[in-house]
PDB file of N, CA and C in Angstrom:
ATOM      1  N   MET A   1     -69.293  -5.215-179.407  1.00  0.00           N
ATOM      2  CA  MET A   1     -69.799  -6.504-179.004  1.00  0.00           C
ATOM      3  C   MET A   1     -71.616  -5.828-179.293  1.00  0.00           C
ATOM      4  N   GLU A   2     -72.527  -6.382-180.098  1.00  0.00           N
ATOM      5  CA  GLU A   2     -73.789  -6.029-180.320  1.00  0.00           C
ATOM      6  C   GLU A   2     -74.790  -6.688-179.217  1.00  0.00           C
ATOM      7  N   GLN A   3     -75.845  -5.743-179.278  1.00  0.00           N
ATOM      8  CA  GLN A   3     -76.829  -6.062-177.617  1.00  0.00           C
ATOM      9  C   GLN A   3     -77.777  -6.983-178.752  1.00  0.00           C
ATOM     10  N   PRO A   4     -78.212  -7.502-177.706  1.00  0.00           N
ATOM     11  CA  PRO A   4     -79.535  -8.925-178.725  1.00  0.00           C
ATOM     12  C   PRO A   4     -80.683  -7.530-178.676  1.00  0.00           C
ATOM     13  N   ALA A   5     -81.634  -8.240-180.111  1.00  0.00           N
ATOM     14  CA  ALA A   5     -82.850  -7.592-180.177  1.00  0.00           C
ATOM     15  C   ALA A   5     -83.955  -7.266-179.414  1.00  0.00           C
ATOM     16  N   ARG A   6     -83.684  -8.246-178.167  1.00  0.00           N
ATOM     17  CA  ARG A   6     -85.238  -7.650-177.143  1.00  0.00           C
ATOM     18  C   ARG A   6     -84.549  -7.535-176.034  1.00  0.00           C
ATOM     19  N   THR A   7     -82.824  -6.613-175.990  1.00  0.00           N
ATOM     20  CA  THR A   7     -82.681  -5.697-174.940  1.00  0.00           C
ATOM     21  C   THR A   7     -82.549  -4.401-175.696  1.00  0.00           C
ATOM     22  N   LEU A   8     -82.228  -3.568-177.469  1.00  0.00           N
ATOM     23  CA  LEU A   8     -82.848  -2.589-177.906  1.00  0.00           C
ATOM     24  C   LEU A   8     -84.343  -1.878-177.659  1.00  0.00           C
ATOM     25  N   PRO A   9     -84.584  -1.581-177.567  1.00  0.00           N
ATOM     26  CA  PRO A   9     -85.766  -1.759-177.770  1.00  0.00           C
ATOM     27  C   PRO A   9     -85.838  -0.860-175.667  1.00  0.00           C
ATOM     28  N   THR A  10     -85.545  -1.669-175.281  1.00  0.00           N
ATOM     29  CA  THR A  10     -85.154  -1.446-173.569  1.00  0.00           C
ATOM     30  C   THR A  10     -84.163  -0.675-172.800  1.00  0.00           C
ATOM     31  N   ALA A  11     -83.518  -0.411-173.983  1.00  0.00           N
ATOM     32  CA  ALA A  11     -82.252   1.178-174.552  1.00  0.00           C
ATOM     33  C   ALA A  11     -82.979   1.801-174.671  1.00  0.00           C
ATOM     34  N   ILE A  12     -83.360   2.078-175.731  1.00  0.00           N
ATOM     35  CA  ILE A  12     -84.042   3.205-177.029  1.00  0.00           C
ATOM     36  C   ILE A  12     -84.253   3.522-175.812  1.00  0.00           C
ATOM     37  N   GLU A  13     -86.160   3.000-174.490  1.00  0.00           N
ATOM     38  CA  GLU A  13     -86.751   3.529-174.199  1.00  0.00           C
ATOM     39  C   GLU A  13     -85.752   4.676-172.970  1.00  0.00           C
ATOM     40  N   ALA A  14     -85.316   4.179-171.903  1.00  0.00           N
ATOM     41  CA  ALA A  14     -83.883   4.674-170.637  1.00  0.00           C
ATOM     42  C   ALA A  14     -83.548   5.778-171.852  1.00  0.00           C
ATOM     43  N   HIS A  15     -82.944   5.830-173.225  1.00  0.00           N
ATOM     44  CA  HIS A  15     -82.143   6.720-173.683  1.00  0.00           C
ATOM     45  C   HIS A  15     -82.884   7.862-173.963  1.00  0.00           C
ATOM     46  N   ARG A  16     -84.178   7.527-174.554  1.00  0.00           N
ATOM     47  CA  ARG A  16     -85.632   8.366-174.682  1.00  0.00           C
ATOM     48  C   ARG A  16     -85.753   9.202-173.528  1.00  0.00           C
ATOM     49  N   LEU A  17     -85.912   8.665-172.503  1.00  0.00           N
ATOM     50  CA  LEU A  17     -86.549   8.781-170.763  1.00  0.00           C
ATOM     51  C   LEU A  17     -85.341   9.852-170.460  1.00  0.00           C
ATOM     52  N   ARG A  18     -83.520   9.677-170.602  1.00  0.00           N
ATOM     53  CA  ARG A  18     -82.379  10.630-170.860  1.00  0.00           C
ATOM     54  C   ARG A  18     -82.864  11.972-171.581  1.00  0.00           C
ATOM     55  N   LEU A  19     -83.306  11.915-172.629  1.00  0.00           N
ATOM     56  CA  LEU A  19     -83.070  12.814-173.466  1.00  0.00           C
ATOM     57  C   LEU A  19     -84.598  13.855-173.192  1.00  0.00           C
ATOM     58  N   GLU A  20     -85.375  13.507-171.950  1.00  0.00           N
ATOM     59  CA  GLU A  20     -86.734  14.026-171.709  1.00  0.00           C
ATOM     60  C   GLU A  20     -85.960  14.634-170.778  1.00  0.00           C
ATOM     61  N   GLU A  21     -84.974  14.238-170.241  1.00  0.00           N
ATOM     62  CA  GLU A  21     -84.776  14.990-168.254  1.00  0.00           C
ATOM     63  C   GLU A  21     -84.525  16.016-169.246  1.00  0.00           C
ATOM     64  N   SER A  22     -83.086  16.078-169.596  1.00  0.00           N
ATOM     65  CA  SER A  22     -82.356  16.838-171.103  1.00  0.00           C
ATOM     66  C   SER A  22     -83.088  18.183-171.010  1.00  0.00           C
ATOM     67  N   LEU A  23     -84.243  17.409-171.812  1.00  0.00           N
ATOM     68  CA  LEU A  23     -84.830  18.699-172.468  1.00  0.00           C
ATOM     69  C   LEU A  23     -85.803  19.641-171.223  1.00  0.00           C
ATOM     70  N   ALA A  24     -86.727  18.552-169.912  1.00  0.00           N
ATOM     71  CA  ALA A  24     -86.664  18.829-168.844  1.00  0.00           C
ATOM     72  C   ALA A  24     -85.994  20.351-168.615  1.00  0.00           C
ATOM     73  N   LYS A  25     -84.584  20.106-168.518  1.00  0.00           N
ATOM     74  CA  LYS A  25     -83.434  20.696-167.741  1.00  0.00           C
ATOM     75  C   LYS A  25     -83.167  22.039-168.312  1.00  0.00           C
ATOM     76  N   LEU A  26     -83.637  21.807-170.094  1.00  0.00           N
ATOM     77  CA  LEU A  26     -82.818  23.581-170.422  1.00  0.00           C
ATOM     78  C   LEU A  26     -83.688  24.206-170.823  1.00  0.00           C
ATOM     79  N   ARG A  27     -85.532  23.913-170.597  1.00  0.00           N
ATOM     80  CA  ARG A  27     -86.379  24.561-170.957  1.00  0.00           C
ATOM     81  C   ARG A  27     -86.658  24.920-169.485  1.00  0.00           C
ATOM     82  N   LYS A  28     -85.997  24.887-168.478  1.00  0.00           N
ATOM     83  CA  LYS A  28     -86.035  25.392-166.991  1.00  0.00           C
ATOM     84  C   LYS A  28     -84.993  26.582-166.830  1.00  0.00           C
ATOM     85  N   ALA A  29     -83.715  26.033-167.612  1.00  0.00           N
ATOM     86  CA  ALA A  29     -82.389  27.399-167.593  1.00  0.00           C
ATOM     87  C   ALA A  29     -83.203  27.947-168.809  1.00  0.00           C
ATOM     88  N   LEU A  30     -84.014  28.050-169.728  1.00  0.00           N
ATOM     89  CA  LEU A  30     -84.284  29.360-170.669  1.00  0.00           C
ATOM     90  C   LEU A  30     -85.186  29.743-169.775  1.00  0.00           C
ATOM     91  N   ASP A  31     -85.646  29.117-169.556  1.00  0.00           N
ATOM     92  CA  ASP A  31     -86.834  30.025-168.500  1.00  0.00           C
ATOM     93  C   ASP A  31     -86.283  30.740-167.662  1.00  0.00           C
ATOM     94  N   ASN A  32     -85.463  29.836-166.679  1.00  0.00           N
ATOM     95  CA  ASN A  32     -84.368  31.412-165.925  1.00  0.00           C
ATOM     96  C   ASN A  32     -83.352  32.078-166.583  1.00  0.00           C
ATOM     97  N   TRP A  33     -83.195  31.924-167.684  1.00  0.00           N
ATOM     98  CA  TRP A  33     -82.503  32.998-168.261  1.00  0.00           C
ATOM     99  C   TRP A  33     -83.136  33.892-169.189  1.00  0.00           C
ATOM    100  N   ARG A  34     -84.547  33.978-169.167  1.00  0.00           N
ATOM    101  CA  ARG A  34     -85.122  35.107-169.874  1.00  0.00           C
ATOM    102  C   ARG A  34     -86.166  35.863-168.592  1.00  0.00           C
ATOM    103  N   ILE A  35     -86.352  34.882-167.974  1.00  0.00           N
ATOM    104  CA  ILE A  35     -85.780  36.079-166.438  1.00  0.00           C
ATOM    105  C   ILE A  35     -85.116  36.738-166.134  1.00  0.00           C
ATOM    106  N   TYR A  36     -83.869  36.811-166.019  1.00  0.00           N
ATOM    107  CA  TYR A  36     -83.170  37.512-165.463  1.00  0.00           C
ATOM    108  C   TYR A  36     -82.997  38.379-166.505  1.00  0.00           C
ATOM    109  N   SER A  37     -82.837  38.095-167.902  1.00  0.00           N
ATOM    110  CA  SER A  37     -82.733  39.078-169.142  1.00  0.00           C
ATOM    111  C   SER A  37     -83.501  40.078-168.816  1.00  0.00           C
ATOM    112  N   PHE A  38     -85.003  39.455-168.678  1.00  0.00           N
ATOM    113  CA  PHE A  38     -85.975  40.955-167.659  1.00  0.00           C
ATOM    114  C   PHE A  38     -85.924  41.744-166.982  1.00  0.00           C
ATOM    115  N   GLU A  39     -85.439  41.560-165.919  1.00  0.00           N
ATOM    116  CA  GLU A  39     -85.045  41.881-164.813  1.00  0.00           C
ATOM    117  C   GLU A  39     -84.271  42.412-165.637  1.00  0.00           C
ATOM    118  N   TYR A  40     -82.619  42.629-165.746  1.00  0.00           N
ATOM    119  CA  TYR A  40     -81.895  43.646-166.725  1.00  0.00           C
ATOM    120  C   TYR A  40     -82.137  44.494-166.386  1.00  0.00           C
ATOM    121  N   GLU A  41     -82.620  44.024-168.643  1.00  0.00           N
ATOM    122  CA  GLU A  41     -83.337  45.385-169.157  1.00  0.00           C
ATOM    123  C   GLU A  41     -83.769  46.335-168.378  1.00  0.00           C
ATOM    124  N   ALA A  42     -85.523  45.927-167.883  1.00  0.00           N
ATOM    125  CA  ALA A  42     -85.899  46.731-166.924  1.00  0.00           C
ATOM    126  C   ALA A  42     -84.967  47.910-166.305  1.00  0.00           C
ATOM    127  N   PHE A  43     -84.174  46.977-165.236  1.00  0.00           N
ATOM    128  CA  PHE A  43     -83.171  48.240-164.181  1.00  0.00           C
ATOM    129  C   PHE A  43     -82.249  48.370-164.761  1.00  0.00           C
ATOM    130  N   ARG A  44     -81.824  48.005-166.084  1.00  0.00           N
ATOM    131  CA  ARG A  44     -81.282  49.315-166.780  1.00  0.00           C
ATOM    132  C   ARG A  44     -81.704  50.233-167.210  1.00  0.00           C
ATOM    133  N   GLU A  45     -82.844  49.849-167.989  1.00  0.00           N
ATOM    134  CA  GLU A  45     -84.303  50.895-167.749  1.00  0.00           C
ATOM    135  C   GLU A  45     -84.379  51.999-167.273  1.00  0.00           C
ATOM    136  N   GLU A  46     -84.446  52.038-165.504  1.00  0.00           N
ATOM    137  CA  GLU A  46     -84.587  52.817-164.224  1.00  0.00           C
ATOM    138  C   GLU A  46     -83.645  53.264-164.307  1.00  0.00           C
ATOM    139  N   LEU A  47     -82.848  52.679-164.500  1.00  0.00           N
ATOM    140  CA  LEU A  47     -81.044  53.698-164.510  1.00  0.00           C
ATOM    141  C   LEU A  47     -81.035  54.552-165.334  1.00  0.00           C
ATOM    142  N   GLN A  48     -81.696  54.306-166.127  1.00  0.00           N
ATOM    143  CA  GLN A  48     -81.040  55.523-167.841  1.00  0.00           C
ATOM    144  C   GLN A  48     -82.077  56.192-167.061  1.00  0.00           C
ATOM    145  N   ALA A  49     -83.627  56.385-166.855  1.00  0.00           N
ATOM    146  CA  ALA A  49     -83.776  57.338-166.194  1.00  0.00           C
ATOM    147  C   ALA A  49     -83.876  57.699-165.220  1.00  0.00           C
ATOM    148  N   LEU A  50     -82.668  57.112-164.434  1.00  0.00           N
ATOM    149  CA  LEU A  50     -82.387  57.858-163.477  1.00  0.00           C
ATOM    150  C   LEU A  50     -82.451  59.401-163.848  1.00  0.00           C
ATOM    151  N   PRO A  51     -82.054  61.031-163.365  1.00  0.00           N
ATOM    152  CA  PRO A  51     -80.876  61.861-163.999  1.00  0.00           C
ATOM    153  C   PRO A  51     -80.451  61.758-163.548  1.00  0.00           C
ATOM    154  N   VAL A  52     -79.215  62.774-164.427  1.00  0.00           N
ATOM    155  CA  VAL A  52     -77.654  62.750-163.898  1.00  0.00           C
ATOM    156  C   VAL A  52     -77.275  63.073-162.477  1.00  0.00           C
ATOM    157  N   GLY A  53     -76.486  62.049-161.782  1.00  0.00           N
ATOM    158  CA  GLY A  53     -75.505  62.358-160.467  1.00  0.00           C
ATOM    159  C   GLY A  53     -76.278  62.090-159.519  1.00  0.00           C
ATOM    160  N   ALA A  54     -77.604  60.824-159.942  1.00  0.00           N
ATOM    161  CA  ALA A  54     -78.678  60.084-158.906  1.00  0.00           C
ATOM    162  C   ALA A  54     -77.409  59.801-157.628  1.00  0.00           C
ATOM    163  N   SER A  55     -78.234  59.624-156.613  1.00  0.00           N
ATOM    164  CA  SER A  55     -77.714  59.623-155.899  1.00  0.00           C
ATOM    165  C   SER A  55     -77.338  56.884-155.873  1.00  0.00           C
ATOM    166  N   HIS A  56     -76.695  57.517-154.510  1.00  0.00           N
ATOM    167  CA  HIS A  56     -76.591  55.575-155.000  1.00  0.00           C
ATOM    168  C   HIS A  56     -78.005  54.923-154.493  1.00  0.00           C
ATOM    169  N   GLU A  57     -78.581  55.593-152.913  1.00  0.00           N
ATOM    170  CA  GLU A  57     -79.673  55.866-152.755  1.00  0.00           C
ATOM    171  C   GLU A  57     -81.239  55.420-153.757  1.00  0.00           C
ATOM    172  N   ALA A  58     -80.726  56.337-154.751  1.00  0.00           N
ATOM    173  CA  ALA A  58     -82.075  56.206-155.500  1.00  0.00           C
ATOM    174  C   ALA A  58     -82.357  54.986-156.450  1.00  0.00           C
ATOM    175  N   MET A  59     -80.870  55.116-156.648  1.00  0.00           N
ATOM    176  CA  MET A  59     -80.403  53.686-158.260  1.00  0.00           C
ATOM    177  C   MET A  59     -81.015  52.428-157.068  1.00  0.00           C
ATOM    178  N   VAL A  60     -80.729  52.361-155.491  1.00  0.00           N
ATOM    179  CA  VAL A  60     -80.467  51.088-155.427  1.00  0.00           C
ATOM    180  C   VAL A  60     -81.984  51.139-154.727  1.00  0.00           C
ATOM    181  N   SER A  61     -83.085  52.708-154.650  1.00  0.00           N
ATOM    182  CA  SER A  61     -84.491  52.286-153.920  1.00  0.00           C
ATOM    183  C   SER A  61     -85.206  51.524-154.962  1.00  0.00           C
ATOM    184  N   SER A  62     -84.411  52.817-156.781  1.00  0.00           N
ATOM    185  CA  SER A  62     -85.329  51.895-157.752  1.00  0.00           C
ATOM    186  C   SER A  62     -85.105  50.355-158.045  1.00  0.00           C
ATOM    187  N   HIS A  63     -84.325  50.151-157.584  1.00  0.00           N
ATOM    188  CA  HIS A  63     -83.892  47.935-157.706  1.00  0.00           C
ATOM    189  C   HIS A  63     -84.954  47.772-156.451  1.00  0.00           C
ATOM    190  N   CYS A  64     -85.541  47.917-155.768  1.00  0.00           N
ATOM    191  CA  CYS A  64     -85.228  47.056-154.532  1.00  0.00           C
ATOM    192  C   CYS A  64     -87.314  47.464-155.217  1.00  0.00           C
ATOM    193  N   THR A  65     -87.200  47.824-155.244  1.00  0.00           N
ATOM    194  CA  THR A  65     -88.745  48.221-155.956  1.00  0.00           C
ATOM    195  C   THR A  65     -89.389  47.630-156.753  1.00  0.00           C
ATOM    196  N   ARG A  66     -88.821  47.488-158.258  1.00  0.00           N
ATOM    197  CA  ARG A  66     -88.769  46.407-158.853  1.00  0.00           C
ATOM    198  C   ARG A  66     -88.664  44.927-158.641  1.00  0.00           C
ATOM    199  N   TYR A  67     -87.543  45.079-157.700  1.00  0.00           N
ATOM    200  CA  TYR A  67     -87.440  44.058-157.871  1.00  0.00           C
ATOM    201  C   TYR A  67     -88.045  43.150-156.911  1.00  0.00           C
ATOM    202  N   ALA A  68     -89.128  43.715-155.834  1.00  0.00           N
ATOM    203  CA  ALA A  68     -90.248  42.535-154.784  1.00  0.00           C
ATOM    204  C   ALA A  68     -91.106  42.589-155.565  1.00  0.00           C
ATOM    205  N   LEU A  69     -91.783  43.960-156.472  1.00  0.00           N
ATOM    206  CA  LEU A  69     -92.439  43.869-157.578  1.00  0.00           C
ATOM    207  C   LEU A  69     -92.526  42.322-157.882  1.00  0.00           C
ATOM    208  N   PHE A  70     -91.390  42.473-158.818  1.00  0.00           N
ATOM    209  CA  PHE A  70     -91.300  41.530-159.713  1.00  0.00           C
ATOM    210  C   PHE A  70     -91.912  40.148-159.464  1.00  0.00           C
ATOM    211  N   HIS A  71     -90.842  39.538-158.798  1.00  0.00           N
ATOM    212  CA  HIS A  71     -91.307  38.560-157.103  1.00  0.00           C
ATOM    213  C   HIS A  71     -91.706  38.386-156.765  1.00  0.00           C
ATOM    214  N   ALA A  72     -93.043  39.290-156.154  1.00  0.00           N
ATOM    215  CA  ALA A  72     -94.126  39.124-156.031  1.00  0.00           C
ATOM    216  C   ALA A  72     -95.379  39.226-156.364  1.00  0.00           C
ATOM    217  N   VAL A  73     -94.541  39.225-157.870  1.00  0.00           N
ATOM    218  CA  VAL A  73     -96.204  38.991-159.414  1.00  0.00           C
ATOM    219  C   VAL A  73     -96.350  37.366-159.043  1.00  0.00           C
ATOM    220  N   ARG A  74     -94.248  37.026-159.329  1.00  0.00           N
ATOM    221  CA  ARG A  74     -93.471  35.951-159.455  1.00  0.00           C
ATOM    222  C   ARG A  74     -94.438  34.426-158.939  1.00  0.00           C
ATOM    223  N   GLN A  75     -94.714  35.046-157.416  1.00  0.00           N
ATOM    224  CA  GLN A  75     -95.057  33.834-157.103  1.00  0.00           C
ATOM    225  C   GLN A  75     -96.247  33.658-156.901  1.00  0.00           C
ATOM    226  N   GLY A  76     -96.658  34.637-157.232  1.00  0.00           N
ATOM    227  CA  GLY A  76     -98.203  34.703-157.306  1.00  0.00           C
ATOM    228  C   GLY A  76     -98.863  33.553-158.286  1.00  0.00           C
ATOM    229  N   SER A  77     -97.840  33.791-158.987  1.00  0.00           N
ATOM    230  CA  SER A  77     -98.315  32.689-160.351  1.00  0.00           C
ATOM    231  C   SER A  77     -97.663  31.036-160.140  1.00  0.00           C
ATOM    232  N   GLY A  78     -96.712  31.000-159.792  1.00  0.00           N
ATOM    233  CA  GLY A  78     -96.727  30.525-158.952  1.00  0.00           C
ATOM    234  C   GLY A  78     -95.443  29.330-159.869  1.00  0.00           C
ATOM    235  N   HIS A  79     -94.577  30.543-160.120  1.00  0.00           N
ATOM    236  CA  HIS A  79     -93.773  29.792-160.494  1.00  0.00           C
ATOM    237  C   HIS A  79     -91.734  30.227-159.366  1.00  0.00           C
TER     238      HIS A  79
END
């Protein structure tokens, strides 16, 4: 069944709004992925920089320091 011509612009506008909402969600997801990727790479580099045989406490301490600093900076920037 075909839509009357007068409702077509309304349907197109509704579809455009849904697409914009989807795009906003995808952008937010991409931003989050980039943040987690950055955190993972930084943590991996810190672990690789630790001496061979480093204690579990040294590994956790290294991560907790970076995690706290990163999130303090992130909150200060309004993210």
